[in-house]
Amino acid sequence: MARKIRFGDISTLLGDVKYPLERTAAAEEFADVTLVLADGEADLGNLISETTNETFDSAADIETALHNVLPRRAVGEPYQSDGDA
């Protein structure tokens, strides 16, 4: 079943899996998740597969990697507290 989640709420979702987690496994785990961004939507599994990390040791590792592949406008304006529009 497809899931939708706002980027600002992603920590909860990422915290539900066991780490360490390889990039390919993480991409498969979240392939059914649509990430709602400030400028539209994106497939979370695809975004994870675009990261350069081979392994994630924590949910924070995935969040950091996602920030590196998303354009700034996708997560909101600078200084916006929750990253959502």
PDB file of N, CA and C in Angstrom:
ATOM      1  N   MET A   1       0.833  -1.172   0.000  1.00  0.00           N
ATOM      2  CA  MET A   1       0.000   0.000   0.000  1.00  0.00           C
ATOM      3  C   MET A   1       0.884   1.244   0.000  1.00  0.00           C
ATOM      4  N   ALA A   2       0.618   2.165  -0.897  1.00  0.00           N
ATOM      5  CA  ALA A   2       1.408   3.382  -1.013  1.00  0.00           C
ATOM      6  C   ALA A   2       1.179   4.278   0.202  1.00  0.00           C
ATOM      7  N   ARG A   3       2.258   4.904   0.633  1.00  0.00           N
ATOM      8  CA  ARG A   3       2.185   5.807   1.777  1.00  0.00           C
ATOM      9  C   ARG A   3       2.641   7.195   1.351  1.00  0.00           C
ATOM     10  N   LYS A   4       2.084   8.233   1.961  1.00  0.00           N
ATOM     11  CA  LYS A   4       2.515   9.608   1.738  1.00  0.00           C
ATOM     12  C   LYS A   4       2.933  10.185   3.073  1.00  0.00           C
ATOM     13  N   ILE A   5       4.050  10.907   3.058  1.00  0.00           N
ATOM     14  CA  ILE A   5       4.520  11.524   4.290  1.00  0.00           C
ATOM     15  C   ILE A   5       5.184  12.855   3.954  1.00  0.00           C
ATOM     16  N   ARG A   6       4.971  13.824   4.817  1.00  0.00           N
ATOM     17  CA  ARG A   6       5.626  15.122   4.643  1.00  0.00           C
ATOM     18  C   ARG A   6       7.095  14.996   5.025  1.00  0.00           C
ATOM     19  N   PHE A   7       7.938  15.762   4.343  1.00  0.00           N
ATOM     20  CA  PHE A   7       9.365  15.704   4.631  1.00  0.00           C
ATOM     21  C   PHE A   7       9.639  16.023   6.099  1.00  0.00           C
ATOM     22  N   GLY A   8       8.902  16.954   6.663  1.00  0.00           N
ATOM     23  CA  GLY A   8       9.102  17.328   8.060  1.00  0.00           C
ATOM     24  C   GLY A   8       8.780  16.219   9.049  1.00  0.00           C
ATOM     25  N   ASP A   9       8.068  15.190   8.606  1.00  0.00           N
ATOM     26  CA  ASP A   9       7.678  14.076   9.473  1.00  0.00           C
ATOM     27  C   ASP A   9       8.458  12.794   9.187  1.00  0.00           C
ATOM     28  N   ILE A  10       9.506  12.900   8.409  1.00  0.00           N
ATOM     29  CA  ILE A  10      10.209  11.706   7.933  1.00  0.00           C
ATOM     30  C   ILE A  10      10.962  10.957   9.041  1.00  0.00           C
ATOM     31  N   SER A  11      11.357  11.653  10.098  1.00  0.00           N
ATOM     32  CA  SER A  11      12.118  11.000  11.170  1.00  0.00           C
ATOM     33  C   SER A  11      11.376   9.812  11.761  1.00  0.00           C
ATOM     34  N   THR A  12      10.077   9.960  11.938  1.00  0.00           N
ATOM     35  CA  THR A  12       9.270   8.871  12.496  1.00  0.00           C
ATOM     36  C   THR A  12       9.301   7.652  11.588  1.00  0.00           C
ATOM     37  N   LEU A  13       9.110   7.870  10.305  1.00  0.00           N
ATOM     38  CA  LEU A  13       9.120   6.774   9.334  1.00  0.00           C
ATOM     39  C   LEU A  13      10.479   6.084   9.298  1.00  0.00           C
ATOM     40  N   LEU A  14      11.537   6.873   9.234  1.00  0.00           N
ATOM     41  CA  LEU A  14      12.879   6.305   9.150  1.00  0.00           C
ATOM     42  C   LEU A  14      13.281   5.593  10.434  1.00  0.00           C
ATOM     43  N   GLY A  15      12.686   5.975  11.540  1.00  0.00           N
ATOM     44  CA  GLY A  15      12.997   5.344  12.816  1.00  0.00           C
ATOM     45  C   GLY A  15      12.379   3.968  12.995  1.00  0.00           C
ATOM     46  N   ASP A  16      11.501   3.584  12.077  1.00  0.00           N
ATOM     47  CA  ASP A  16      10.806   2.297  12.183  1.00  0.00           C
ATOM     48  C   ASP A  16      11.565   1.115  11.575  1.00  0.00           C
ATOM     49  N   VAL A  17      12.758   1.352  11.050  1.00  0.00           N
ATOM     50  CA  VAL A  17      13.526   0.256  10.444  1.00  0.00           C
ATOM     51  C   VAL A  17      14.784  -0.019  11.258  1.00  0.00           C
ATOM     52  N   LYS A  18      15.354  -1.197  11.055  1.00  0.00           N
ATOM     53  CA  LYS A  18      16.551  -1.613  11.783  1.00  0.00           C
ATOM     54  C   LYS A  18      17.800  -1.171  11.018  1.00  0.00           C
ATOM     55  N   TYR A  19      18.752  -0.617  11.722  1.00  0.00           N
ATOM     56  CA  TYR A  19      20.017  -0.171  11.142  1.00  0.00           C
ATOM     57  C   TYR A  19      21.143  -1.027  11.678  1.00  0.00           C
ATOM     58  N   PRO A  20      22.258  -1.152  10.948  1.00  0.00           N
ATOM     59  CA  PRO A  20      22.583  -0.502   9.670  1.00  0.00           C
ATOM     60  C   PRO A  20      21.748  -1.065   8.524  1.00  0.00           C
ATOM     61  N   LEU A  21      21.618  -0.232   7.485  1.00  0.00           N
ATOM     62  CA  LEU A  21      20.791  -0.571   6.337  1.00  0.00           C
ATOM     63  C   LEU A  21      21.527  -0.153   5.070  1.00  0.00           C
ATOM     64  N   GLU A  22      21.701  -1.094   4.153  1.00  0.00           N
ATOM     65  CA  GLU A  22      22.361  -0.764   2.890  1.00  0.00           C
ATOM     66  C   GLU A  22      21.457   0.121   2.042  1.00  0.00           C
ATOM     67  N   ARG A  23      22.081   0.941   1.190  1.00  0.00           N
ATOM     68  CA  ARG A  23      21.328   1.871   0.346  1.00  0.00           C
ATOM     69  C   ARG A  23      20.275   1.149  -0.482  1.00  0.00           C
ATOM     70  N   THR A  24      20.628   0.040  -1.117  1.00  0.00           N
ATOM     71  CA  THR A  24      19.661  -0.668  -1.964  1.00  0.00           C
ATOM     72  C   THR A  24      18.490  -1.202  -1.142  1.00  0.00           C
ATOM     73  N   ALA A  25      18.779  -1.703   0.052  1.00  0.00           N
ATOM     74  CA  ALA A  25      17.714  -2.201   0.928  1.00  0.00           C
ATOM     75  C   ALA A  25      16.818  -1.058   1.399  1.00  0.00           C
ATOM     76  N   ALA A  26      17.414   0.080   1.706  1.00  0.00           N
ATOM     77  CA  ALA A  26      16.628   1.248   2.131  1.00  0.00           C
ATOM     78  C   ALA A  26      15.737   1.732   0.995  1.00  0.00           C
ATOM     79  N   ALA A  27      16.281   1.757  -0.211  1.00  0.00           N
ATOM     80  CA  ALA A  27      15.493   2.191  -1.372  1.00  0.00           C
ATOM     81  C   ALA A  27      14.299   1.264  -1.585  1.00  0.00           C
ATOM     82  N   GLU A  28      14.510  -0.030  -1.418  1.00  0.00           N
ATOM     83  CA  GLU A  28      13.411  -0.995  -1.557  1.00  0.00           C
ATOM     84  C   GLU A  28      12.398  -0.846  -0.425  1.00  0.00           C
ATOM     85  N   GLU A  29      12.892  -0.656   0.790  1.00  0.00           N
ATOM     86  CA  GLU A  29      12.020  -0.513   1.965  1.00  0.00           C
ATOM     87  C   GLU A  29      11.049   0.657   1.809  1.00  0.00           C
ATOM     88  N   PHE A  30      11.534   1.745   1.203  1.00  0.00           N
ATOM     89  CA  PHE A  30      10.730   2.963   1.108  1.00  0.00           C
ATOM     90  C   PHE A  30      10.239   3.245  -0.310  1.00  0.00           C
ATOM     91  N   ALA A  31      10.251   2.240  -1.165  1.00  0.00           N
ATOM     92  CA  ALA A  31       9.818   2.420  -2.561  1.00  0.00           C
ATOM     93  C   ALA A  31       8.342   2.783  -2.669  1.00  0.00           C
ATOM     94  N   ASP A  32       7.554   2.428  -1.678  1.00  0.00           N
ATOM     95  CA  ASP A  32       6.114   2.726  -1.726  1.00  0.00           C
ATOM     96  C   ASP A  32       5.756   4.043  -1.037  1.00  0.00           C
ATOM     97  N   VAL A  33       6.766   4.829  -0.684  1.00  0.00           N
ATOM     98  CA  VAL A  33       6.528   6.078   0.041  1.00  0.00           C
ATOM     99  C   VAL A  33       6.676   7.270  -0.890  1.00  0.00           C
ATOM    100  N   THR A  34       5.643   8.103  -0.913  1.00  0.00           N
ATOM    101  CA  THR A  34       5.703   9.368  -1.636  1.00  0.00           C
ATOM    102  C   THR A  34       6.032  10.440  -0.618  1.00  0.00           C
ATOM    103  N   LEU A  35       7.104  11.151  -0.876  1.00  0.00           N
ATOM    104  CA  LEU A  35       7.549  12.210   0.012  1.00  0.00           C
ATOM    105  C   LEU A  35       6.937  13.519  -0.461  1.00  0.00           C
ATOM    106  N   VAL A  36       6.169  14.167   0.402  1.00  0.00           N
ATOM    107  CA  VAL A  36       5.529  15.440   0.074  1.00  0.00           C
ATOM    108  C   VAL A  36       6.505  16.550   0.444  1.00  0.00           C
ATOM    109  N   LEU A  37       6.935  17.273  -0.587  1.00  0.00           N
ATOM    110  CA  LEU A  37       7.936  18.321  -0.433  1.00  0.00           C
ATOM    111  C   LEU A  37       7.301  19.695  -0.593  1.00  0.00           C
ATOM    112  N   ALA A  38       8.057  20.726  -0.299  1.00  0.00           N
ATOM    113  CA  ALA A  38       7.562  22.094  -0.439  1.00  0.00           C
ATOM    114  C   ALA A  38       7.237  22.427  -1.887  1.00  0.00           C
ATOM    115  N   ASP A  39       7.923  21.783  -2.832  1.00  0.00           N
ATOM    116  CA  ASP A  39       7.704  22.105  -4.249  1.00  0.00           C
ATOM    117  C   ASP A  39       7.105  20.949  -5.046  1.00  0.00           C
ATOM    118  N   GLY A  40       6.465  19.997  -4.375  1.00  0.00           N
ATOM    119  CA  GLY A  40       5.849  18.876  -5.085  1.00  0.00           C
ATOM    120  C   GLY A  40       6.015  17.582  -4.320  1.00  0.00           C
ATOM    121  N   GLU A  41       6.118  16.490  -5.054  1.00  0.00           N
ATOM    122  CA  GLU A  41       6.259  15.172  -4.450  1.00  0.00           C
ATOM    123  C   GLU A  41       7.389  14.406  -5.127  1.00  0.00           C
ATOM    124  N   ALA A  42       7.940  13.428  -4.401  1.00  0.00           N
ATOM    125  CA  ALA A  42       9.006  12.590  -4.944  1.00  0.00           C
ATOM    126  C   ALA A  42       8.905  11.205  -4.321  1.00  0.00           C
ATOM    127  N   ASP A  43       9.385  10.214  -5.040  1.00  0.00           N
ATOM    128  CA  ASP A  43       9.431   8.844  -4.559  1.00  0.00           C
ATOM    129  C   ASP A  43      10.628   8.699  -3.618  1.00  0.00           C
ATOM    130  N   LEU A  44      10.369   8.369  -2.367  1.00  0.00           N
ATOM    131  CA  LEU A  44      11.438   8.279  -1.378  1.00  0.00           C
ATOM    132  C   LEU A  44      12.461   7.210  -1.745  1.00  0.00           C
ATOM    133  N   GLY A  45      12.014   6.078  -2.240  1.00  0.00           N
ATOM    134  CA  GLY A  45      12.953   5.027  -2.641  1.00  0.00           C
ATOM    135  C   GLY A  45      13.907   5.497  -3.719  1.00  0.00           C
ATOM    136  N   ASN A  46      13.393   6.222  -4.707  1.00  0.00           N
ATOM    137  CA  ASN A  46      14.253   6.757  -5.771  1.00  0.00           C
ATOM    138  C   ASN A  46      15.253   7.760  -5.226  1.00  0.00           C
ATOM    139  N   LEU A  47      14.799   8.629  -4.327  1.00  0.00           N
ATOM    140  CA  LEU A  47      15.708   9.612  -3.740  1.00  0.00           C
ATOM    141  C   LEU A  47      16.830   8.931  -2.971  1.00  0.00           C
ATOM    142  N   ILE A  48      16.491   7.916  -2.201  1.00  0.00           N
ATOM    143  CA  ILE A  48      17.515   7.195  -1.441  1.00  0.00           C
ATOM    144  C   ILE A  48      18.512   6.540  -2.383  1.00  0.00           C
ATOM    145  N   SER A  49      18.036   6.000  -3.495  1.00  0.00           N
ATOM    146  CA  SER A  49      18.947   5.350  -4.446  1.00  0.00           C
ATOM    147  C   SER A  49      19.895   6.350  -5.107  1.00  0.00           C
ATOM    148  N   GLU A  50      19.554   7.638  -5.093  1.00  0.00           N
ATOM    149  CA  GLU A  50      20.417   8.674  -5.666  1.00  0.00           C
ATOM    150  C   GLU A  50      21.503   9.140  -4.706  1.00  0.00           C
ATOM    151  N   THR A  51      21.443   8.724  -3.456  1.00  0.00           N
ATOM    152  CA  THR A  51      22.449   9.152  -2.485  1.00  0.00           C
ATOM    153  C   THR A  51      23.767   8.425  -2.733  1.00  0.00           C
ATOM    154  N   THR A  52      24.834   8.937  -2.137  1.00  0.00           N
ATOM    155  CA  THR A  52      26.154   8.332  -2.325  1.00  0.00           C
ATOM    156  C   THR A  52      26.523   7.362  -1.203  1.00  0.00           C
ATOM    157  N   ASN A  53      25.728   7.323  -0.148  1.00  0.00           N
ATOM    158  CA  ASN A  53      26.009   6.416   0.963  1.00  0.00           C
ATOM    159  C   ASN A  53      25.792   4.972   0.532  1.00  0.00           C
ATOM    160  N   GLU A  54      26.709   4.110   0.891  1.00  0.00           N
ATOM    161  CA  GLU A  54      26.526   2.680   0.644  1.00  0.00           C
ATOM    162  C   GLU A  54      25.703   2.054   1.764  1.00  0.00           C
ATOM    163  N   THR A  55      25.901   2.562   2.981  1.00  0.00           N
ATOM    164  CA  THR A  55      25.220   2.048   4.166  1.00  0.00           C
ATOM    165  C   THR A  55      24.782   3.214   5.041  1.00  0.00           C
ATOM    166  N   PHE A  56      23.620   3.061   5.659  1.00  0.00           N
ATOM    167  CA  PHE A  56      23.120   4.045   6.610  1.00  0.00           C
ATOM    168  C   PHE A  56      23.157   3.416   7.993  1.00  0.00           C
ATOM    169  N   ASP A  57      23.768   4.115   8.951  1.00  0.00           N
ATOM    170  CA  ASP A  57      23.860   3.604  10.313  1.00  0.00           C
ATOM    171  C   ASP A  57      22.717   4.074  11.200  1.00  0.00           C
ATOM    172  N   SER A  58      21.951   5.052  10.720  1.00  0.00           N
ATOM    173  CA  SER A  58      20.847   5.589  11.514  1.00  0.00           C
ATOM    174  C   SER A  58      19.875   6.341  10.613  1.00  0.00           C
ATOM    175  N   ALA A  59      18.723   6.679  11.178  1.00  0.00           N
ATOM    176  CA  ALA A  59      17.745   7.495  10.450  1.00  0.00           C
ATOM    177  C   ALA A  59      18.347   8.854  10.105  1.00  0.00           C
ATOM    178  N   ALA A  60      19.158   9.389  11.002  1.00  0.00           N
ATOM    179  CA  ALA A  60      19.797  10.684  10.759  1.00  0.00           C
ATOM    180  C   ALA A  60      20.704  10.627   9.534  1.00  0.00           C
ATOM    181  N   ASP A  61      21.359   9.492   9.306  1.00  0.00           N
ATOM    182  CA  ASP A  61      22.206   9.339   8.116  1.00  0.00           C
ATOM    183  C   ASP A  61      21.379   9.461   6.840  1.00  0.00           C
ATOM    184  N   ILE A  62      20.196   8.853   6.828  1.00  0.00           N
ATOM    185  CA  ILE A  62      19.339   8.937   5.640  1.00  0.00           C
ATOM    186  C   ILE A  62      18.851  10.367   5.455  1.00  0.00           C
ATOM    187  N   GLU A  63      18.444  11.023   6.539  1.00  0.00           N
ATOM    188  CA  GLU A  63      17.969  12.408   6.433  1.00  0.00           C
ATOM    189  C   GLU A  63      19.051  13.320   5.870  1.00  0.00           C
ATOM    190  N   THR A  64      20.266  13.172   6.358  1.00  0.00           N
ATOM    191  CA  THR A  64      21.373  13.987   5.860  1.00  0.00           C
ATOM    192  C   THR A  64      21.610  13.720   4.386  1.00  0.00           C
ATOM    193  N   ALA A  65      21.600  12.465   4.000  1.00  0.00           N
ATOM    194  CA  ALA A  65      21.814  12.110   2.595  1.00  0.00           C
ATOM    195  C   ALA A  65      20.710  12.686   1.716  1.00  0.00           C
ATOM    196  N   LEU A  66      19.470  12.674   2.200  1.00  0.00           N
ATOM    197  CA  LEU A  66      18.363  13.243   1.428  1.00  0.00           C
ATOM    198  C   LEU A  66      18.534  14.743   1.242  1.00  0.00           C
ATOM    199  N   HIS A  67      18.981  15.428   2.281  1.00  0.00           N
ATOM    200  CA  HIS A  67      19.233  16.867   2.153  1.00  0.00           C
ATOM    201  C   HIS A  67      20.285  17.140   1.081  1.00  0.00           C
ATOM    202  N   ASN A  68      21.209  16.219   0.904  1.00  0.00           N
ATOM    203  CA  ASN A  68      22.259  16.398  -0.101  1.00  0.00           C
ATOM    204  C   ASN A  68      21.778  16.162  -1.525  1.00  0.00           C
ATOM    205  N   VAL A  69      20.700  15.406  -1.722  1.00  0.00           N
ATOM    206  CA  VAL A  69      20.204  15.149  -3.082  1.00  0.00           C
ATOM    207  C   VAL A  69      19.008  16.017  -3.458  1.00  0.00           C
ATOM    208  N   LEU A  70      18.364  16.621  -2.476  1.00  0.00           N
ATOM    209  CA  LEU A  70      17.207  17.473  -2.760  1.00  0.00           C
ATOM    210  C   LEU A  70      17.642  18.923  -2.956  1.00  0.00           C
ATOM    211  N   PRO A  71      17.035  19.617  -3.920  1.00  0.00           N
ATOM    212  CA  PRO A  71      17.315  21.048  -4.039  1.00  0.00           C
ATOM    213  C   PRO A  71      16.717  21.785  -2.841  1.00  0.00           C
ATOM    214  N   ARG A  72      17.282  22.911  -2.484  1.00  0.00           N
ATOM    215  CA  ARG A  72      16.838  23.667  -1.314  1.00  0.00           C
ATOM    216  C   ARG A  72      15.340  23.970  -1.364  1.00  0.00           C
ATOM    217  N   ARG A  73      14.829  24.328  -2.543  1.00  0.00           N
ATOM    218  CA  ARG A  73      13.409  24.694  -2.643  1.00  0.00           C
ATOM    219  C   ARG A  73      12.485  23.512  -2.334  1.00  0.00           C
ATOM    220  N   ALA A  74      13.002  22.294  -2.414  1.00  0.00           N
ATOM    221  CA  ALA A  74      12.178  21.113  -2.138  1.00  0.00           C
ATOM    222  C   ALA A  74      11.849  20.973  -0.660  1.00  0.00           C
ATOM    223  N   VAL A  75      12.733  21.456   0.190  1.00  0.00           N
ATOM    224  CA  VAL A  75      12.518  21.319   1.631  1.00  0.00           C
ATOM    225  C   VAL A  75      12.066  22.614   2.278  1.00  0.00           C
ATOM    226  N   GLY A  76      11.792  23.642   1.493  1.00  0.00           N
ATOM    227  CA  GLY A  76      11.258  24.886   2.026  1.00  0.00           C
ATOM    228  C   GLY A  76      12.246  26.027   1.949  1.00  0.00           C
ATOM    229  N   GLU A  77      11.790  27.152   2.404  1.00  0.00           N
ATOM    230  CA  GLU A  77      12.607  28.356   2.399  1.00  0.00           C
ATOM    231  C   GLU A  77      13.653  28.282   3.506  1.00  0.00           C
ATOM    232  N   PRO A  78      14.790  28.976   3.318  1.00  0.00           N
ATOM    233  CA  PRO A  78      15.783  29.032   4.391  1.00  0.00           C
ATOM    234  C   PRO A  78      15.144  29.556   5.679  1.00  0.00           C
ATOM    235  N   TYR A  79      15.547  29.001   6.788  1.00  0.00           N
ATOM    236  CA  TYR A  79      15.081  29.353   8.129  1.00  0.00           C
ATOM    237  C   TYR A  79      13.653  28.891   8.421  1.00  0.00           C
ATOM    238  N   GLN A  80      13.076  28.112   7.539  1.00  0.00           N
ATOM    239  CA  GLN A  80      11.738  27.565   7.791  1.00  0.00           C
ATOM    240  C   GLN A  80      11.903  26.404   8.758  1.00  0.00           C
ATOM    241  N   SER A  81      11.140  26.383   9.824  1.00  0.00           N
ATOM    242  CA  SER A  81      11.400  25.447  10.910  1.00  0.00           C
ATOM    243  C   SER A  81      11.122  23.989  10.583  1.00  0.00           C
ATOM    244  N   ASP A  82      10.063  23.679   9.834  1.00  0.00           N
ATOM    245  CA  ASP A  82       9.731  22.270   9.647  1.00  0.00           C
ATOM    246  C   ASP A  82      10.003  21.739   8.254  1.00  0.00           C
ATOM    247  N   GLY A  83      10.521  22.562   7.353  1.00  0.00           N
ATOM    248  CA  GLY A  83      10.875  22.086   6.027  1.00  0.00           C
ATOM    249  C   GLY A  83       9.712  21.853   5.105  1.00  0.00           C
ATOM    250  N   ASP A  84       8.527  22.285   5.463  1.00  0.00           N
ATOM    251  CA  ASP A  84       7.353  22.108   4.621  1.00  0.00           C
ATOM    252  C   ASP A  84       6.770  23.460   4.267  1.00  0.00           C
ATOM    253  N   ALA A  85       6.165  23.527   3.095  1.00  0.00           N
ATOM    254  CA  ALA A  85       5.528  24.777   2.680  1.00  0.00           C
ATOM    255  C   ALA A  85       4.173  24.902   3.326  1.00  0.00           C
TER     256      ALA A  85
END
